[in-house]
């Protein structure tokens, strides 16, 4: 029992640590000498980095934030020590996914101020359920292209991937991946509550597809 508990703590801790890596903050400091938390919305996510520092750093941040959700979820449950995780491989994967997203949203490396969790959630989805990731990507991209609201695309994408996890996974709502997806969707939507208010007031900023530097 003690070994199982220590295994759970190790896996969840490593997932949180991976998610906590504040790539947007680091790239802004290393490449531009600025703290992105002082720019735009002050968010460490890829959207604010893109808007504030340009597409090059923004896209790099996006890919790195996706990877810190995908890699721990794909790799940690396969590690030999993770075989003792309570509930087995499935529960290890979903626990690491939740931990990674929490690390991104509340990173201890940046005063517990991170991003909104969308890119890291997408990465976790890619590892947990490629079909659900595909649904999320399609809904997000279609919404962004039609409305140019990143926030609306994120919210609708979160709802869509939750439904996809229920549809594609075994056991419906009892499937651990569905339960994890529902929790991730709640985090994503809750982190966008300010955006929802601005959408309702008609004040939400539309995304601009920049072609050059910042």
Protein backbone atom coordinates (compact mmCIF):
# COMPACT_ATOMS: atom_id res chain seq x y z
CA UNK A 1 0.00 0.00 0.00
CA UNK A 2 2.79 2.44 0.91
CA UNK A 3 4.54 1.71 -2.39
CA UNK A 4 1.33 2.39 -4.30
CA UNK A 5 0.86 5.73 -2.55
CA UNK A 6 4.46 6.77 -3.21
CA UNK A 7 4.06 5.77 -6.85
CA UNK A 8 0.94 7.92 -7.16
CA UNK A 9 2.69 10.88 -5.54
CA UNK A 10 5.70 10.47 -7.85
CA UNK A 11 3.63 10.24 -11.05
CA UNK A 12 1.34 13.13 -10.15
CA UNK A 13 4.29 15.22 -8.97
CA UNK A 14 6.23 14.63 -12.19
CA UNK A 15 3.13 15.43 -14.24
CA UNK A 16 2.66 18.69 -12.35
CA UNK A 17 6.35 19.54 -12.72
CA UNK A 18 6.23 18.99 -16.48
CA UNK A 19 3.13 21.13 -16.81
CA UNK A 20 4.67 23.86 -14.67
CA UNK A 21 7.48 24.66 -17.12
CA UNK A 22 6.59 28.27 -18.10
CA UNK A 23 7.85 28.28 -21.67
CA UNK A 24 6.09 31.53 -22.58
CA UNK A 25 7.82 33.32 -19.70
CA UNK A 26 11.23 31.80 -20.47
CA UNK A 27 11.12 32.44 -24.23
CA UNK A 28 10.09 36.04 -23.66
CA UNK A 29 13.00 36.58 -21.28
CA UNK A 30 15.60 34.68 -23.31
CA UNK A 31 14.70 35.98 -26.77
CA UNK A 32 13.27 39.45 -26.10
CA UNK A 33 14.37 40.33 -22.58
CA UNK A 34 10.80 40.96 -21.44
CA UNK A 35 8.40 39.43 -18.93
CA UNK A 36 5.27 38.52 -20.90
CA UNK A 37 3.25 38.83 -17.69
CA UNK A 38 3.67 42.60 -18.05
CA UNK A 39 2.29 42.60 -21.60
CA UNK A 40 -1.22 42.27 -23.01
CA UNK A 41 -3.46 40.17 -20.81
CA UNK A 42 -0.53 39.16 -18.59
CA UNK A 43 -1.23 35.51 -19.36
CA UNK A 44 1.58 33.00 -19.96
CA UNK A 45 -0.36 31.10 -22.61
CA UNK A 46 0.46 31.00 -26.31
CA UNK A 47 -2.26 33.48 -27.34
CA UNK A 48 -0.89 36.33 -25.24
CA UNK A 49 2.69 35.45 -26.23
CA UNK A 50 1.67 35.46 -29.91
CA UNK A 51 -0.07 38.81 -29.61
CA UNK A 52 2.65 40.41 -27.52
CA UNK A 53 5.86 38.94 -28.97
CA UNK A 54 4.89 37.81 -32.46
CA UNK A 55 4.06 34.58 -34.25
CA UNK A 56 7.50 32.98 -34.00
CA UNK A 57 7.65 32.95 -30.22
CA UNK A 58 3.90 32.44 -29.98
CA UNK A 59 3.92 29.28 -32.11
CA UNK A 60 7.00 27.96 -30.29
CA UNK A 61 5.19 28.49 -26.98
CA UNK A 62 2.11 26.73 -28.32
CA UNK A 63 4.06 23.65 -29.42
CA UNK A 64 6.01 23.48 -26.16
CA UNK A 65 2.84 23.87 -24.08
CA UNK A 66 1.19 21.08 -26.06
CA UNK A 67 4.24 18.86 -25.53
CA UNK A 68 4.20 19.30 -21.76
CA UNK A 69 0.71 17.81 -21.76
CA UNK A 70 1.35 15.06 -24.30
CA UNK A 71 4.76 13.73 -23.25
CA UNK A 72 4.15 13.05 -19.53
CA UNK A 73 0.78 11.43 -20.28
CA UNK A 74 2.33 9.23 -22.96
CA UNK A 75 5.54 8.35 -21.12
CA UNK A 76 4.96 8.25 -17.37
CA UNK A 77 2.33 5.46 -17.32
CA UNK A 78 4.77 3.29 -19.29
CA UNK A 79 7.60 3.74 -16.80
CA UNK A 80 8.40 0.59 -14.77
CA UNK A 81 7.81 2.29 -11.42
CA UNK A 82 4.35 3.46 -12.57
CA UNK A 83 3.04 -0.10 -12.78
CA UNK A 84 2.13 0.13 -9.09
CA UNK A 85 -0.09 3.18 -9.61
CA UNK A 86 -3.45 2.60 -7.84
CA UNK A 87 -6.03 1.55 -10.43
CA UNK A 88 -3.42 0.75 -13.06
CA UNK A 89 -2.30 2.32 -16.33
CA UNK A 90 -5.60 4.05 -17.15
CA UNK A 91 -5.87 5.92 -13.88
CA UNK A 92 -2.18 6.82 -14.01
CA UNK A 93 -2.66 8.41 -17.44
CA UNK A 94 -5.64 10.52 -16.42
CA UNK A 95 -4.04 11.57 -13.11
CA UNK A 96 -0.89 12.71 -14.91
CA UNK A 97 -3.02 14.60 -17.47
CA UNK A 98 -4.86 16.48 -14.74
CA UNK A 99 -1.60 17.20 -12.91
CA UNK A 100 0.08 18.55 -16.05
CA UNK A 101 -2.78 20.93 -16.80
CA UNK A 102 -2.87 22.10 -13.19
CA UNK A 103 0.87 22.71 -13.42
CA UNK A 104 0.39 24.89 -16.48
CA UNK A 105 -2.49 26.85 -14.97
CA UNK A 106 -0.92 27.23 -11.52
CA UNK A 107 2.84 26.99 -12.05
CA UNK A 108 4.98 27.34 -8.95
CA UNK A 109 7.79 28.62 -11.19
CA UNK A 110 5.88 31.82 -11.99
CA UNK A 111 4.11 32.71 -8.76
CA UNK A 112 1.27 30.26 -9.51
CA UNK A 113 0.21 32.42 -12.46
CA UNK A 114 0.15 30.42 -15.66
CA UNK A 115 -1.93 30.04 -18.78
CA UNK A 116 -5.54 29.03 -19.30
CA UNK A 117 -4.73 25.40 -19.88
CA UNK A 118 -5.94 24.99 -23.46
CA UNK A 119 -2.69 23.97 -25.20
CA UNK A 120 -1.60 21.64 -22.40
CA UNK A 121 -5.08 20.12 -22.29
CA UNK A 122 -4.85 19.57 -26.06
CA UNK A 123 -1.53 17.79 -25.59
CA UNK A 124 -2.94 15.59 -22.85
CA UNK A 125 -5.88 14.75 -25.11
CA UNK A 126 -3.53 13.82 -27.93
CA UNK A 127 -2.00 11.19 -25.67
CA UNK A 128 -5.24 10.08 -23.99
CA UNK A 129 -7.53 9.91 -27.02
CA UNK A 130 -6.42 10.95 -30.53
CA UNK A 131 -10.06 10.89 -31.80
CA UNK A 132 -11.13 13.31 -29.05
CA UNK A 133 -8.11 15.48 -29.83
CA UNK A 134 -9.17 15.53 -33.49
CA UNK A 135 -12.69 16.63 -32.54
CA UNK A 136 -11.31 19.37 -30.30
CA UNK A 137 -8.93 20.59 -33.00
CA UNK A 138 -11.67 20.66 -35.65
CA UNK A 139 -14.13 22.57 -33.46
CA UNK A 140 -11.47 24.99 -32.20
CA UNK A 141 -10.10 25.70 -35.70
CA UNK A 142 -13.54 26.12 -37.27
CA UNK A 143 -14.66 28.50 -34.50
CA UNK A 144 -11.45 30.53 -34.70
CA UNK A 145 -11.64 30.84 -38.48
CA UNK A 146 -15.31 31.82 -38.43
CA UNK A 147 -15.27 34.20 -35.46
CA UNK A 148 -11.58 34.89 -34.68
CA UNK A 149 -12.35 34.44 -30.99
CA UNK A 150 -9.74 32.14 -29.40
CA UNK A 151 -11.75 32.03 -26.19
CA UNK A 152 -14.94 30.87 -27.89
CA UNK A 153 -13.01 28.23 -29.83
CA UNK A 154 -11.45 27.00 -26.59
CA UNK A 155 -14.78 26.77 -24.77
CA UNK A 156 -16.63 25.04 -27.60
CA UNK A 157 -13.64 22.76 -28.15
CA UNK A 158 -13.66 21.79 -24.47
CA UNK A 159 -17.34 20.89 -24.65
CA UNK A 160 -16.77 18.96 -27.89
CA UNK A 161 -13.84 16.90 -26.59
CA UNK A 162 -15.81 15.95 -23.47
CA UNK A 163 -18.64 14.64 -25.64
CA UNK A 164 -16.11 12.87 -27.86
CA UNK A 165 -14.51 11.13 -24.88
CA UNK A 166 -17.94 9.90 -23.83
CA UNK A 167 -18.74 8.75 -27.36
CA UNK A 168 -15.42 7.08 -28.21
CA UNK A 169 -14.51 5.64 -24.83
CA UNK A 170 -15.79 2.38 -23.31
CA UNK A 171 -18.26 2.48 -20.41
CA UNK A 172 -19.54 5.98 -21.24
CA UNK A 173 -19.54 8.30 -18.25
CA UNK A 174 -17.80 5.67 -16.09
CA UNK A 175 -14.70 5.77 -18.30
CA UNK A 176 -11.75 7.37 -16.43
CA UNK A 177 -10.75 9.29 -19.56
CA UNK A 178 -14.23 10.80 -19.82
CA UNK A 179 -14.12 11.80 -16.16
CA UNK A 180 -10.71 13.40 -16.63
CA UNK A 181 -11.90 15.14 -19.79
CA UNK A 182 -14.91 16.57 -17.98
CA UNK A 183 -12.66 17.95 -15.25
CA UNK A 184 -10.27 19.42 -17.82
CA UNK A 185 -13.18 21.04 -19.64
CA UNK A 186 -14.37 22.61 -16.38
CA UNK A 187 -10.88 24.03 -15.77
CA UNK A 188 -10.66 25.44 -19.31
CA UNK A 189 -14.13 27.00 -19.19
CA UNK A 190 -13.61 28.39 -15.67
CA UNK A 191 -10.33 29.98 -16.76
CA UNK A 192 -12.24 31.74 -19.56
CA UNK A 193 -14.98 33.22 -17.37
CA UNK A 194 -13.62 36.74 -17.94
CA UNK A 195 -13.63 36.12 -21.68
CA UNK A 196 -17.24 34.94 -21.49
CA UNK A 197 -18.22 38.19 -19.81
CA UNK A 198 -16.45 40.20 -22.53
CA UNK A 199 -18.07 38.09 -25.25
CA UNK A 200 -21.50 38.85 -23.80
CA UNK A 201 -20.67 42.58 -23.66
CA UNK A 202 -19.27 42.54 -27.19
CA UNK A 203 -15.84 43.57 -25.91
CA UNK A 204 -13.79 40.41 -26.56
CA UNK A 205 -10.69 40.98 -28.66
CA UNK A 206 -10.53 39.10 -31.95
CA UNK A 207 -7.41 37.17 -32.91
CA UNK A 208 -5.21 38.66 -35.61
CA UNK A 209 -3.14 36.30 -37.76
CA UNK A 210 0.15 38.18 -37.91
CA UNK A 211 2.53 37.54 -40.78
CA UNK A 212 5.64 39.27 -39.61
CA UNK A 213 7.32 39.92 -36.27
CA UNK A 214 5.71 41.34 -33.16
